[in-house]
């Protein structure tokens, strides 16, 4: 399997330390997705959506950890029960607010990624498809609201 980045995320975050750990902690933080110019036609009709799902590569991750201590809990957890970046396939997912689209540039908000992050795919966020009401959040039920103020450290570098 070969994946080729389709674009690059531009954000105000130049280093991993002190970044928000989830988009909920980055409300209103502006950034952009610069899509490869040859793919700009694929953005047609995206401007009718308010949000998008972006899949991206944790390009600064250099190791895999199957057990991690997540930011929102002091107890070690299996990596697949977290959103930690040190995964076998270092792929991140965020839901971002679309502010504007100009050619191959998508202005977005709520960015919690490192500047220069390679974008693998974007998809429109559709509540009918993506929102669930029958949700359990496992160990995170003990940490409601903490993602808003939590900031990254160097544990996953």
C-alpha atoms as a PDB file:
ATOM      1  CA  UNK A   1       0.000   0.000   0.000  1.00  0.00           C
ATOM      2  CA  UNK A   2       1.317   3.403  -0.929  1.00  0.00           C
ATOM      3  CA  UNK A   3      -0.318   6.626   0.194  1.00  0.00           C
ATOM      4  CA  UNK A   4       0.637   9.938  -1.330  1.00  0.00           C
ATOM      5  CA  UNK A   5      -0.155  13.161   0.534  1.00  0.00           C
ATOM      6  CA  UNK A   6      -2.737  15.286  -1.249  1.00  0.00           C
ATOM      7  CA  UNK A   7      -1.757  18.495   0.510  1.00  0.00           C
ATOM      8  CA  UNK A   8      -0.244  20.164   3.534  1.00  0.00           C
ATOM      9  CA  UNK A   9      -1.713  21.615   6.713  1.00  0.00           C
ATOM     10  CA  UNK A  10      -0.514  25.083   7.653  1.00  0.00           C
ATOM     11  CA  UNK A  11      -1.014  25.888  11.334  1.00  0.00           C
ATOM     12  CA  UNK A  12       0.475  28.232  13.948  1.00  0.00           C
ATOM     13  CA  UNK A  13       2.054  25.255  15.758  1.00  0.00           C
ATOM     14  CA  UNK A  14       5.749  24.906  14.895  1.00  0.00           C
ATOM     15  CA  UNK A  15       6.659  22.528  17.726  1.00  0.00           C
ATOM     16  CA  UNK A  16       4.808  19.674  19.399  1.00  0.00           C
ATOM     17  CA  UNK A  17       5.116  20.934  22.973  1.00  0.00           C
ATOM     18  CA  UNK A  18       2.230  23.205  24.053  1.00  0.00           C
ATOM     19  CA  UNK A  19      -0.052  22.287  21.135  1.00  0.00           C
ATOM     20  CA  UNK A  20      -3.705  21.490  21.849  1.00  0.00           C
ATOM     21  CA  UNK A  21      -4.177  17.722  22.086  1.00  0.00           C
ATOM     22  CA  UNK A  22      -7.553  17.688  20.282  1.00  0.00           C
ATOM     23  CA  UNK A  23      -9.550  20.107  18.076  1.00  0.00           C
ATOM     24  CA  UNK A  24     -11.806  20.831  21.086  1.00  0.00           C
ATOM     25  CA  UNK A  25      -8.798  22.579  22.644  1.00  0.00           C
ATOM     26  CA  UNK A  26      -8.138  24.550  19.468  1.00  0.00           C
ATOM     27  CA  UNK A  27     -11.535  26.197  18.945  1.00  0.00           C
ATOM     28  CA  UNK A  28     -11.124  29.192  16.678  1.00  0.00           C
ATOM     29  CA  UNK A  29      -7.444  28.505  15.893  1.00  0.00           C
ATOM     30  CA  UNK A  30      -7.041  29.308  12.197  1.00  0.00           C
ATOM     31  CA  UNK A  31      -5.075  27.321   9.683  1.00  0.00           C
ATOM     32  CA  UNK A  32      -5.314  26.137   6.116  1.00  0.00           C
ATOM     33  CA  UNK A  33      -5.066  23.084   3.941  1.00  0.00           C
ATOM     34  CA  UNK A  34      -3.058  23.659   0.799  1.00  0.00           C
ATOM     35  CA  UNK A  35      -4.210  20.956  -1.579  1.00  0.00           C
ATOM     36  CA  UNK A  36      -1.969  19.886  -4.455  1.00  0.00           C
ATOM     37  CA  UNK A  37      -2.987  22.235  -7.282  1.00  0.00           C
ATOM     38  CA  UNK A  38      -3.678  19.303  -9.624  1.00  0.00           C
ATOM     39  CA  UNK A  39      -6.438  18.157  -7.221  1.00  0.00           C
ATOM     40  CA  UNK A  40      -8.259  21.511  -6.862  1.00  0.00           C
ATOM     41  CA  UNK A  41     -11.167  20.353  -9.030  1.00  0.00           C
ATOM     42  CA  UNK A  42     -11.947  17.792  -6.317  1.00  0.00           C
ATOM     43  CA  UNK A  43     -12.919  20.653  -3.988  1.00  0.00           C
ATOM     44  CA  UNK A  44     -15.933  21.524  -6.125  1.00  0.00           C
ATOM     45  CA  UNK A  45     -19.106  21.660  -3.987  1.00  0.00           C
ATOM     46  CA  UNK A  46     -17.209  21.346  -0.672  1.00  0.00           C
ATOM     47  CA  UNK A  47     -18.062  25.006   0.027  1.00  0.00           C
ATOM     48  CA  UNK A  48     -21.648  23.913   0.760  1.00  0.00           C
ATOM     49  CA  UNK A  49     -20.454  22.104   3.887  1.00  0.00           C
ATOM     50  CA  UNK A  50     -19.587  23.739   7.213  1.00  0.00           C
ATOM     51  CA  UNK A  51     -17.110  21.082   8.420  1.00  0.00           C
ATOM     52  CA  UNK A  52     -14.741  18.522   7.026  1.00  0.00           C
ATOM     53  CA  UNK A  53     -12.971  15.433   8.269  1.00  0.00           C
ATOM     54  CA  UNK A  54      -9.255  15.539   7.583  1.00  0.00           C
ATOM     55  CA  UNK A  55      -7.039  12.458   7.710  1.00  0.00           C
ATOM     56  CA  UNK A  56      -3.361  13.222   8.073  1.00  0.00           C
ATOM     57  CA  UNK A  57       0.010  11.648   8.693  1.00  0.00           C
ATOM     58  CA  UNK A  58       1.756  12.124  12.056  1.00  0.00           C
ATOM     59  CA  UNK A  59       4.955  12.823  10.138  1.00  0.00           C
ATOM     60  CA  UNK A  60       7.141  13.509  13.177  1.00  0.00           C
ATOM     61  CA  UNK A  61       6.366  10.195  14.892  1.00  0.00           C
ATOM     62  CA  UNK A  62       9.429   7.948  14.922  1.00  0.00           C
ATOM     63  CA  UNK A  63       8.255   4.991  16.995  1.00  0.00           C
ATOM     64  CA  UNK A  64       5.311   2.722  17.722  1.00  0.00           C
ATOM     65  CA  UNK A  65       4.013   2.171  21.253  1.00  0.00           C
ATOM     66  CA  UNK A  66       1.205  -0.317  21.762  1.00  0.00           C
ATOM     67  CA  UNK A  67       0.725   0.952  25.318  1.00  0.00           C
ATOM     68  CA  UNK A  68       0.723   4.701  25.962  1.00  0.00           C
ATOM     69  CA  UNK A  69      -0.044   7.066  28.797  1.00  0.00           C
ATOM     70  CA  UNK A  70      -2.574   9.430  27.199  1.00  0.00           C
ATOM     71  CA  UNK A  71      -2.720  13.141  27.921  1.00  0.00           C
ATOM     72  CA  UNK A  72      -6.079  12.878  29.667  1.00  0.00           C
ATOM     73  CA  UNK A  73      -5.278   9.998  32.023  1.00  0.00           C
ATOM     74  CA  UNK A  74      -2.253   8.974  34.111  1.00  0.00           C
ATOM     75  CA  UNK A  75      -2.926   5.254  33.544  1.00  0.00           C
ATOM     76  CA  UNK A  76      -1.246   3.444  30.610  1.00  0.00           C
ATOM     77  CA  UNK A  77      -3.763   2.402  27.935  1.00  0.00           C
ATOM     78  CA  UNK A  78      -3.687   0.357  24.747  1.00  0.00           C
ATOM     79  CA  UNK A  79      -2.885   2.661  21.838  1.00  0.00           C
ATOM     80  CA  UNK A  80      -6.098   1.665  20.034  1.00  0.00           C
ATOM     81  CA  UNK A  81      -8.122   2.939  23.036  1.00  0.00           C
ATOM     82  CA  UNK A  82      -6.485   6.356  22.584  1.00  0.00           C
ATOM     83  CA  UNK A  83      -5.785   8.886  19.880  1.00  0.00           C
ATOM     84  CA  UNK A  84      -2.050   8.882  20.597  1.00  0.00           C
ATOM     85  CA  UNK A  85       0.130   9.374  17.500  1.00  0.00           C
ATOM     86  CA  UNK A  86       2.610   6.532  18.177  1.00  0.00           C
ATOM     87  CA  UNK A  87       0.486   3.975  16.315  1.00  0.00           C
ATOM     88  CA  UNK A  88       1.438   1.256  13.829  1.00  0.00           C
ATOM     89  CA  UNK A  89       0.012   3.473  11.074  1.00  0.00           C
ATOM     90  CA  UNK A  90       0.477   7.053  12.324  1.00  0.00           C
ATOM     91  CA  UNK A  91      -2.754   8.493  10.944  1.00  0.00           C
ATOM     92  CA  UNK A  92      -4.619  11.342  12.623  1.00  0.00           C
ATOM     93  CA  UNK A  93      -8.230  12.436  12.210  1.00  0.00           C
ATOM     94  CA  UNK A  94      -9.798  15.804  13.016  1.00  0.00           C
ATOM     95  CA  UNK A  95     -13.082  17.525  12.255  1.00  0.00           C
ATOM     96  CA  UNK A  96     -12.401  21.115  11.195  1.00  0.00           C
ATOM     97  CA  UNK A  97     -14.621  24.105  10.452  1.00  0.00           C
ATOM     98  CA  UNK A  98     -14.469  25.330   6.856  1.00  0.00           C
ATOM     99  CA  UNK A  99     -14.149  29.120   6.715  1.00  0.00           C
ATOM    100  CA  UNK A 100     -13.505  29.631   2.985  1.00  0.00           C
ATOM    101  CA  UNK A 101     -12.173  27.920  -0.120  1.00  0.00           C
ATOM    102  CA  UNK A 102      -9.973  29.749  -2.630  1.00  0.00           C
ATOM    103  CA  UNK A 103      -8.725  27.646  -5.522  1.00  0.00           C
ATOM    104  CA  UNK A 104      -6.689  24.851  -3.914  1.00  0.00           C
ATOM    105  CA  UNK A 105      -6.606  26.472  -0.444  1.00  0.00           C
ATOM    106  CA  UNK A 106      -9.125  25.628   2.269  1.00  0.00           C
ATOM    107  CA  UNK A 107      -9.187  28.060   5.202  1.00  0.00           C
ATOM    108  CA  UNK A 108     -10.126  26.114   8.336  1.00  0.00           C
ATOM    109  CA  UNK A 109     -10.506  26.565  12.087  1.00  0.00           C
ATOM    110  CA  UNK A 110      -9.977  24.355  15.121  1.00  0.00           C
ATOM    111  CA  UNK A 111      -6.558  23.116  13.968  1.00  0.00           C
ATOM    112  CA  UNK A 112      -4.597  21.067  16.495  1.00  0.00           C
ATOM    113  CA  UNK A 113      -1.905  19.774  14.126  1.00  0.00           C
ATOM    114  CA  UNK A 114       1.735  20.585  13.612  1.00  0.00           C
ATOM    115  CA  UNK A 115       2.544  23.017  10.814  1.00  0.00           C
ATOM    116  CA  UNK A 116       3.566  21.134   7.683  1.00  0.00           C
ATOM    117  CA  UNK A 117       1.515  18.024   8.458  1.00  0.00           C
ATOM    118  CA  UNK A 118       0.845  15.977   5.302  1.00  0.00           C
ATOM    119  CA  UNK A 119      -2.855  15.588   4.443  1.00  0.00           C
ATOM    120  CA  UNK A 120      -3.936  12.122   3.292  1.00  0.00           C
ATOM    121  CA  UNK A 121      -7.623  12.769   2.595  1.00  0.00           C
ATOM    122  CA  UNK A 122     -10.512  15.109   3.287  1.00  0.00           C
ATOM    123  CA  UNK A 123     -14.191  14.243   3.475  1.00  0.00           C
ATOM    124  CA  UNK A 124     -17.270  16.332   4.230  1.00  0.00           C
ATOM    125  CA  UNK A 125     -18.627  15.983   7.747  1.00  0.00           C
ATOM    126  CA  UNK A 126     -22.265  14.864   7.523  1.00  0.00           C
ATOM    127  CA  UNK A 127     -24.131  14.593  10.855  1.00  0.00           C
ATOM    128  CA  UNK A 128     -26.562  12.013   9.465  1.00  0.00           C
ATOM    129  CA  UNK A 129     -23.590   9.767   8.617  1.00  0.00           C
ATOM    130  CA  UNK A 130     -21.084  10.676  11.304  1.00  0.00           C
ATOM    131  CA  UNK A 131     -22.918  11.683  14.482  1.00  0.00           C
ATOM    132  CA  UNK A 132     -23.941   8.994  16.943  1.00  0.00           C
ATOM    133  CA  UNK A 133     -26.216   9.176  19.975  1.00  0.00           C
ATOM    134  CA  UNK A 134     -25.522   5.708  21.407  1.00  0.00           C
ATOM    135  CA  UNK A 135     -21.937   6.476  22.432  1.00  0.00           C
ATOM    136  CA  UNK A 136     -19.759   5.178  25.271  1.00  0.00           C
ATOM    137  CA  UNK A 137     -16.356   6.759  25.816  1.00  0.00           C
ATOM    138  CA  UNK A 138     -14.658   4.178  28.030  1.00  0.00           C
ATOM    139  CA  UNK A 139     -11.915   5.530  30.280  1.00  0.00           C
ATOM    140  CA  UNK A 140     -12.485   9.058  28.897  1.00  0.00           C
ATOM    141  CA  UNK A 141     -15.778   9.273  30.804  1.00  0.00           C
ATOM    142  CA  UNK A 142     -13.627  10.216  33.816  1.00  0.00           C
ATOM    143  CA  UNK A 143     -12.088  13.185  31.957  1.00  0.00           C
ATOM    144  CA  UNK A 144     -14.979  15.191  30.464  1.00  0.00           C
ATOM    145  CA  UNK A 145     -14.022  18.639  29.247  1.00  0.00           C
ATOM    146  CA  UNK A 146     -10.297  18.279  29.995  1.00  0.00           C
ATOM    147  CA  UNK A 147      -9.340  18.184  26.308  1.00  0.00           C
ATOM    148  CA  UNK A 148     -10.157  21.880  26.025  1.00  0.00           C
ATOM    149  CA  UNK A 149      -7.312  22.979  28.297  1.00  0.00           C
ATOM    150  CA  UNK A 150      -4.841  20.096  27.881  1.00  0.00           C
ATOM    151  CA  UNK A 151      -1.640  20.881  25.968  1.00  0.00           C
ATOM    152  CA  UNK A 152       0.888  18.556  24.405  1.00  0.00           C
ATOM    153  CA  UNK A 153       4.261  17.745  25.861  1.00  0.00           C
ATOM    154  CA  UNK A 154       7.125  15.756  24.351  1.00  0.00           C
ATOM    155  CA  UNK A 155       5.884  12.255  25.353  1.00  0.00           C
ATOM    156  CA  UNK A 156       5.138  11.177  21.763  1.00  0.00           C
ATOM    157  CA  UNK A 157       8.157  12.677  19.998  1.00  0.00           C
END
